[in-house]
Amino acid sequence: MTRNATTRLLPVIAGVLLMALIAPSAQVVRGQAYVPQDSNAPADMQSQQLKSVDMDYKLGAQVSPNLVFTNSDGERVKLGDYFDGERPVILQLGYYQCPMLCGLVFKGVHTAVGEMDWVPGDQYQIITVSIDPAEMPSLARKKKETLAIDLKNNAGKAGAEDGWHFLVGESHMIERLADEVGFGFRWVREQQQFAHPAVIMILSPDGKITRYLSGVKYEPQTLRLSLVEASDGKVGSILDNFLLTCLHYDPALGTYSATAMGIMRLGGAVTVLILIMVIGGFLWRDHRRRRTNGTTHTAAPGAAQG
């Protein structure tokens, strides 16, 4: 292939590579609130049950750092202990003995964490809080140990348990946290289960809500970019931050997608890169030509004298 043909293909190659980086690698499944209920119940009652566990999205709200819970070691901790000003936080509300939805959400987070090249405790933290005040630290510890072993053996993430915190708490603390993040839930006595939505929250390093991710599957790149965005550039690579200037989070799709302005920025960046390469090539060839000519002219008189 000639040099001219290669130069003409550079924009296509660069575009393909960048689009491969920003394209989602997995389908995001969005989920609705799970409400265990009697199928024979009147339709208006079922509708009311659904409304009672709706999400109230409170982007930008501050989670109180002084809320007190108990960790998997039985120690009293404040949520503010995990707001270190540097690392963003994934917050998950559910309960450890949930027979259905929580297990799917746990699996979704666990899978995304395993597929990312980041490790909880290094670039970000995860806080899982039980909404069941009857659950004890022993249940939290068992859940933590199970996930830690799996992340170590199957994802090569030894030490991930240091950044994934499993908490239990008293009713008033749970209810206050749920209210602050807009997480609706209620106990369904007939089914002996909690009704609640399938969603995780992304918090900034100081505890502000920056993103809600709904469903039971979380595309690793969407989760990563959400964390980069929440950290305001404190974590993530140059490429991560560049992609955030080109992409916009689409709540309907649950992923980051290119906008018209983002495409223009992307095209501009590719154009600048190509221009730098082309101009750099011309300058390098000109430098070599001048150097070759200079050597020839210097050597010629000496050759004549000989």
Protein backbone atom coordinates (compact mmCIF):
# COMPACT_ATOMS: atom_id res chain seq x y z
CA MET A 1 0.00 0.00 0.00
CA THR A 2 1.37 3.45 -0.93
CA ARG A 3 1.99 6.22 1.59
CA ASN A 4 -0.82 8.30 0.03
CA ALA A 5 -3.33 5.45 0.38
CA THR A 6 -2.34 4.94 4.00
CA THR A 7 -2.81 8.65 4.70
CA ARG A 8 -6.30 8.58 3.16
CA LEU A 9 -7.27 5.64 5.35
CA LEU A 10 -6.12 7.26 8.60
CA PRO A 11 -9.45 9.03 9.28
CA VAL A 12 -11.36 5.78 8.75
CA ILE A 13 -9.03 3.78 11.00
CA ALA A 14 -9.12 6.41 13.76
CA GLY A 15 -12.91 6.64 13.59
CA VAL A 16 -13.37 2.88 13.78
CA LEU A 17 -11.07 2.58 16.78
CA LEU A 18 -12.74 5.39 18.71
CA MET A 19 -16.25 4.15 17.97
CA ALA A 20 -15.22 0.69 19.16
CA LEU A 21 -14.12 2.25 22.43
CA ILE A 22 -17.35 4.14 23.02
CA ALA A 23 -19.80 1.50 21.79
CA PRO A 24 -21.53 -0.40 24.61
CA SER A 25 -20.39 -4.01 24.82
CA ALA A 26 -23.52 -5.41 26.42
CA GLN A 27 -27.22 -4.75 26.45
CA VAL A 28 -28.50 -2.95 29.53
CA VAL A 29 -31.59 -4.46 31.08
CA ARG A 30 -33.73 -1.94 32.87
CA GLY A 31 -35.90 -3.18 35.69
CA GLN A 32 -39.06 -2.05 37.43
CA ALA A 33 -39.78 -2.19 41.12
CA TYR A 34 -40.40 -5.68 42.46
CA VAL A 35 -43.59 -5.98 44.47
CA PRO A 36 -44.51 -9.43 45.78
CA GLN A 37 -48.30 -9.42 45.84
CA ASP A 38 -51.42 -11.49 45.58
CA SER A 39 -52.39 -11.92 41.94
CA ASN A 40 -56.03 -11.92 43.09
CA ALA A 41 -55.73 -8.44 44.57
CA PRO A 42 -57.75 -5.67 42.88
CA ALA A 43 -55.94 -3.75 40.13
CA ASP A 44 -56.18 -0.44 42.00
CA MET A 45 -54.54 -2.04 45.07
CA GLN A 46 -51.70 -3.44 42.94
CA SER A 47 -51.21 0.00 41.38
CA GLN A 48 -51.02 1.58 44.84
CA GLN A 49 -48.45 -1.01 45.89
CA LEU A 50 -46.28 -0.11 42.92
CA LYS A 51 -46.49 3.61 43.70
CA SER A 52 -45.35 2.95 47.27
CA VAL A 53 -41.97 1.67 46.04
CA ASP A 54 -41.32 4.17 43.24
CA MET A 55 -37.94 5.87 42.93
CA ASP A 56 -37.81 9.58 43.66
CA TYR A 57 -34.74 10.68 41.73
CA LYS A 58 -32.81 13.27 43.74
CA LEU A 59 -29.77 14.06 41.64
CA GLY A 60 -27.43 16.42 43.44
CA ALA A 61 -28.83 15.64 46.89
CA GLN A 62 -26.37 15.21 49.73
CA VAL A 63 -26.36 11.96 51.68
CA SER A 64 -25.93 12.74 55.38
CA PRO A 65 -22.44 11.70 56.48
CA ASN A 66 -23.55 11.32 60.12
CA LEU A 67 -25.95 8.42 59.52
CA VAL A 68 -24.82 5.54 61.74
CA PHE A 69 -24.83 1.85 60.76
CA THR A 70 -23.08 -1.35 61.80
CA ASN A 71 -20.55 -2.99 59.51
CA SER A 72 -19.93 -6.69 58.89
CA ASP A 73 -17.47 -6.79 61.80
CA GLY A 74 -20.06 -5.50 64.24
CA GLU A 75 -18.49 -2.03 64.44
CA ARG A 76 -20.50 1.20 64.48
CA VAL A 77 -19.62 3.37 61.48
CA LYS A 78 -20.81 6.58 59.89
CA LEU A 79 -21.49 6.86 56.17
CA GLY A 80 -19.16 9.83 56.19
CA ASP A 81 -16.33 7.41 56.98
CA TYR A 82 -16.57 6.31 53.34
CA PHE A 83 -16.74 9.81 51.85
CA ASP A 84 -13.01 10.50 51.58
CA GLY A 85 -13.15 13.32 49.03
CA GLU A 86 -11.15 11.28 46.51
CA ARG A 87 -13.02 8.11 45.54
CA PRO A 88 -16.61 7.94 44.24
CA VAL A 89 -19.06 5.49 45.80
CA ILE A 90 -21.56 2.95 44.52
CA LEU A 91 -24.50 2.77 46.94
CA GLN A 92 -26.81 -0.25 46.89
CA LEU A 93 -29.88 -0.69 49.08
CA GLY A 94 -31.45 -4.12 49.47
CA TYR A 95 -31.38 -6.92 52.00
CA TYR A 96 -29.28 -10.03 52.39
CA GLN A 97 -32.09 -12.57 52.69
CA CYS A 98 -34.06 -11.25 49.73
CA PRO A 99 -35.39 -14.28 47.81
CA MET A 100 -35.46 -12.62 44.40
CA LEU A 101 -34.57 -9.12 43.21
CA CYS A 102 -31.68 -8.26 45.53
CA GLY A 103 -29.82 -11.36 44.42
CA LEU A 104 -30.11 -10.21 40.80
CA VAL A 105 -28.89 -6.71 41.66
CA PHE A 106 -26.02 -8.17 43.72
CA LYS A 107 -25.08 -10.37 40.77
CA GLY A 108 -25.28 -7.44 38.34
CA VAL A 109 -22.96 -5.26 40.45
CA HIS A 110 -20.66 -8.18 41.17
CA THR A 111 -20.37 -9.05 37.46
CA ALA A 112 -19.64 -5.45 36.44
CA VAL A 113 -17.04 -5.11 39.20
CA GLY A 114 -15.39 -8.33 38.06
CA GLU A 115 -15.21 -7.17 34.43
CA MET A 116 -13.79 -3.71 35.15
CA ASP A 117 -10.04 -3.36 35.50
CA TRP A 118 -10.55 -1.25 38.64
CA VAL A 119 -10.60 -2.71 42.15
CA PRO A 120 -13.00 -1.59 44.92
CA GLY A 121 -10.97 0.27 47.51
CA ASP A 122 -8.51 1.65 44.95
CA GLN A 123 -10.42 3.83 42.48
CA TYR A 124 -13.87 3.65 44.12
CA GLN A 125 -15.84 2.15 47.00
CA ILE A 126 -19.10 0.21 47.29
CA ILE A 127 -21.56 0.48 50.17
CA THR A 128 -24.34 -2.09 50.49
CA VAL A 129 -26.95 -1.24 53.14
CA SER A 130 -29.67 -3.63 54.30
CA ILE A 131 -33.18 -2.18 54.38
CA ASP A 132 -34.24 -4.89 56.85
CA PRO A 133 -33.60 -3.74 60.44
CA ALA A 134 -33.88 -7.36 61.62
CA GLU A 135 -30.75 -8.41 59.75
CA MET A 136 -27.61 -8.78 61.84
CA PRO A 137 -23.89 -8.17 61.07
CA SER A 138 -23.37 -11.93 60.73
CA LEU A 139 -25.50 -11.92 57.55
CA ALA A 140 -23.55 -8.96 56.18
CA ARG A 141 -20.27 -10.73 56.95
CA LYS A 142 -21.39 -13.93 55.22
CA LYS A 143 -22.40 -11.98 52.11
CA LYS A 144 -19.13 -10.09 52.08
CA GLU A 145 -17.03 -13.23 52.45
CA THR A 146 -18.88 -15.01 49.63
CA LEU A 147 -18.44 -12.12 47.19
CA ALA A 148 -14.82 -11.53 48.21
CA ILE A 149 -13.88 -15.16 47.56
CA ASP A 150 -15.57 -15.12 44.17
CA LEU A 151 -13.94 -11.84 43.10
CA LYS A 152 -10.54 -13.17 44.13
CA ASN A 153 -10.86 -16.61 42.51
CA ASN A 154 -12.80 -15.74 39.36
CA ALA A 155 -11.84 -12.12 38.64
CA GLY A 156 -8.34 -11.91 40.13
CA LYS A 157 -9.34 -9.06 42.44
CA ALA A 158 -7.71 -9.93 45.72
CA GLY A 159 -8.44 -7.35 48.41
CA ALA A 160 -11.68 -6.17 46.81
CA GLU A 161 -13.45 -6.81 50.11
CA ASP A 162 -11.52 -3.88 51.62
CA GLY A 163 -13.47 -1.52 49.37
CA TRP A 164 -16.89 -3.20 49.47
CA HIS A 165 -18.67 -2.43 52.74
CA PHE A 166 -21.74 -4.36 53.94
CA LEU A 167 -23.86 -2.60 56.55
CA VAL A 168 -26.96 -3.20 58.67
CA GLY A 169 -28.84 -0.62 60.68
CA GLU A 170 -31.76 0.51 62.78
CA SER A 171 -35.11 1.40 61.26
CA HIS A 172 -34.86 5.16 61.61
CA MET A 173 -31.40 5.26 60.04
CA ILE A 174 -32.45 3.02 57.15
CA GLU A 175 -35.59 5.06 56.50
CA ARG A 176 -33.68 8.34 56.61
CA LEU A 177 -31.07 7.09 54.12
CA ALA A 178 -33.77 5.68 51.83
CA ASP A 179 -35.61 9.00 51.92
CA GLU A 180 -32.46 10.99 51.15
CA VAL A 181 -31.73 8.94 48.02
CA GLY A 182 -35.40 8.50 47.04
CA PHE A 183 -35.44 4.72 47.44
CA GLY A 184 -39.03 3.59 48.09
CA PHE A 185 -39.63 0.29 49.85
CA ARG A 186 -42.19 -1.39 52.11
CA TRP A 187 -42.77 -4.67 53.91
CA VAL A 188 -45.43 -6.91 52.32
CA ARG A 189 -46.79 -8.87 55.26
CA GLU A 190 -48.74 -11.38 53.18
CA GLN A 191 -45.60 -12.43 51.28
CA GLN A 192 -43.10 -11.83 54.10
CA GLN A 193 -40.89 -9.87 51.72
CA PHE A 194 -39.83 -6.30 51.06
CA ALA A 195 -41.06 -4.55 47.94
CA HIS A 196 -38.37 -2.31 46.46
CA PRO A 197 -36.93 -1.04 43.13
CA ALA A 198 -33.91 -2.40 41.26
CA VAL A 199 -31.46 0.50 41.19
CA ILE A 200 -28.03 1.54 42.39
CA MET A 201 -26.84 5.06 43.12
CA ILE A 202 -23.51 6.65 42.20
CA LEU A 203 -22.22 9.15 44.75
CA SER A 204 -19.48 11.73 44.50
CA PRO A 205 -16.47 11.41 46.84
CA ASP A 206 -18.21 13.78 49.27
CA GLY A 207 -21.53 11.90 49.19
CA LYS A 208 -23.69 13.71 46.61
CA ILE A 209 -25.93 11.72 44.27
CA THR A 210 -24.65 12.03 40.70
CA ARG A 211 -26.31 9.12 38.87
CA TYR A 212 -28.98 6.42 39.19
CA LEU A 213 -28.50 3.16 37.27
CA SER A 214 -31.66 1.08 37.02
CA GLY A 215 -32.07 -2.60 36.30
CA VAL A 216 -30.26 -5.77 37.28
CA LYS A 217 -27.41 -5.65 34.75
CA TYR A 218 -24.81 -2.89 34.62
CA GLU A 219 -22.62 -2.45 31.55
CA PRO A 220 -19.04 -2.13 32.87
CA GLN A 221 -18.14 0.89 30.75
CA THR A 222 -21.32 2.73 31.78
CA LEU A 223 -20.49 2.04 35.42
CA ARG A 224 -16.90 3.15 34.93
CA LEU A 225 -17.84 6.39 33.17
CA SER A 226 -20.45 7.10 35.86
CA LEU A 227 -17.72 6.78 38.49
CA VAL A 228 -15.34 9.00 36.51
CA GLU A 229 -18.08 11.59 36.15
CA ALA A 230 -18.91 11.41 39.86
CA SER A 231 -15.27 11.91 40.80
CA ASP A 232 -15.02 15.05 38.62
CA GLY A 233 -11.95 13.62 36.93
CA LYS A 234 -10.16 12.51 40.12
CA VAL A 235 -10.21 8.89 38.95
CA GLY A 236 -9.99 7.46 35.46
CA SER A 237 -7.68 7.86 32.50
CA ILE A 238 -7.29 10.71 30.02
CA LEU A 239 -9.38 8.65 27.60
CA ASP A 240 -12.18 8.27 30.17
CA ASN A 241 -12.36 12.02 30.65
CA PHE A 242 -12.18 12.63 26.90
CA LEU A 243 -15.08 10.24 26.28
CA LEU A 244 -17.19 12.13 28.83
CA THR A 245 -16.79 15.28 26.70
CA CYS A 246 -18.12 13.38 23.67
CA LEU A 247 -20.84 11.29 25.32
CA HIS A 248 -24.04 12.04 27.20
CA TYR A 249 -25.85 9.74 29.61
CA ASP A 250 -29.19 8.62 28.17
CA PRO A 251 -31.56 7.56 31.00
CA ALA A 252 -33.89 5.86 28.52
CA LEU A 253 -31.10 3.57 27.32
CA GLY A 254 -29.18 3.40 30.57
CA THR A 255 -25.89 4.05 28.75
CA TYR A 256 -23.64 6.86 27.58
CA SER A 257 -24.25 7.66 23.92
CA ALA A 258 -22.79 10.13 21.45
CA THR A 259 -24.55 13.49 21.02
CA ALA A 260 -24.36 15.77 18.01
CA MET A 261 -21.93 18.02 19.87
CA GLY A 262 -19.99 14.98 21.01
CA ILE A 263 -19.67 13.71 17.44
CA MET A 264 -18.42 17.14 16.36
CA ARG A 265 -15.85 17.14 19.15
CA LEU A 266 -14.81 13.62 18.26
CA GLY A 267 -14.47 14.54 14.59
CA GLY A 268 -12.50 17.62 15.52
CA ALA A 269 -10.15 15.63 17.72
CA VAL A 270 -9.58 13.04 14.98
CA THR A 271 -8.95 15.82 12.43
CA VAL A 272 -6.41 17.51 14.71
CA LEU A 273 -4.68 14.18 15.31
CA ILE A 274 -4.45 13.48 11.58
CA LEU A 275 -3.16 17.00 10.88
CA ILE A 276 -0.48 16.59 13.53
CA MET A 277 0.58 13.29 11.98
CA VAL A 278 0.63 14.67 8.43
CA ILE A 279 2.44 17.91 9.34
CA GLY A 280 4.84 15.97 11.54
CA GLY A 281 5.59 13.65 8.62
CA PHE A 282 6.28 16.58 6.28
CA LEU A 283 8.55 18.27 8.85
CA TRP A 284 10.45 15.04 9.47
CA ARG A 285 10.98 14.42 5.74
CA ASP A 286 12.06 18.03 5.22
CA HIS A 287 14.51 17.74 8.11
CA ARG A 288 16.02 14.56 6.64
CA ARG A 289 16.25 16.17 3.18
CA ARG A 290 18.06 19.23 4.59
CA ARG A 291 20.38 17.04 6.61
CA THR A 292 21.19 14.87 3.60
CA ASN A 293 21.84 17.91 1.39
CA GLY A 294 24.01 19.49 4.04
CA THR A 295 26.16 16.37 4.37
CA THR A 296 26.58 16.11 0.59
CA HIS A 297 27.64 19.74 0.20
CA THR A 298 30.14 19.47 3.03
CA ALA A 299 31.73 16.30 1.69
CA ALA A 300 32.04 17.51 -1.95
CA PRO A 301 35.01 19.93 -1.52
CA GLY A 302 36.98 17.31 0.35
CA ALA A 303 36.39 14.80 -2.40
CA ALA A 304 37.61 17.31 -5.03
CA GLN A 305 40.82 17.98 -3.04
CA GLY A 306 41.58 14.28 -2.94
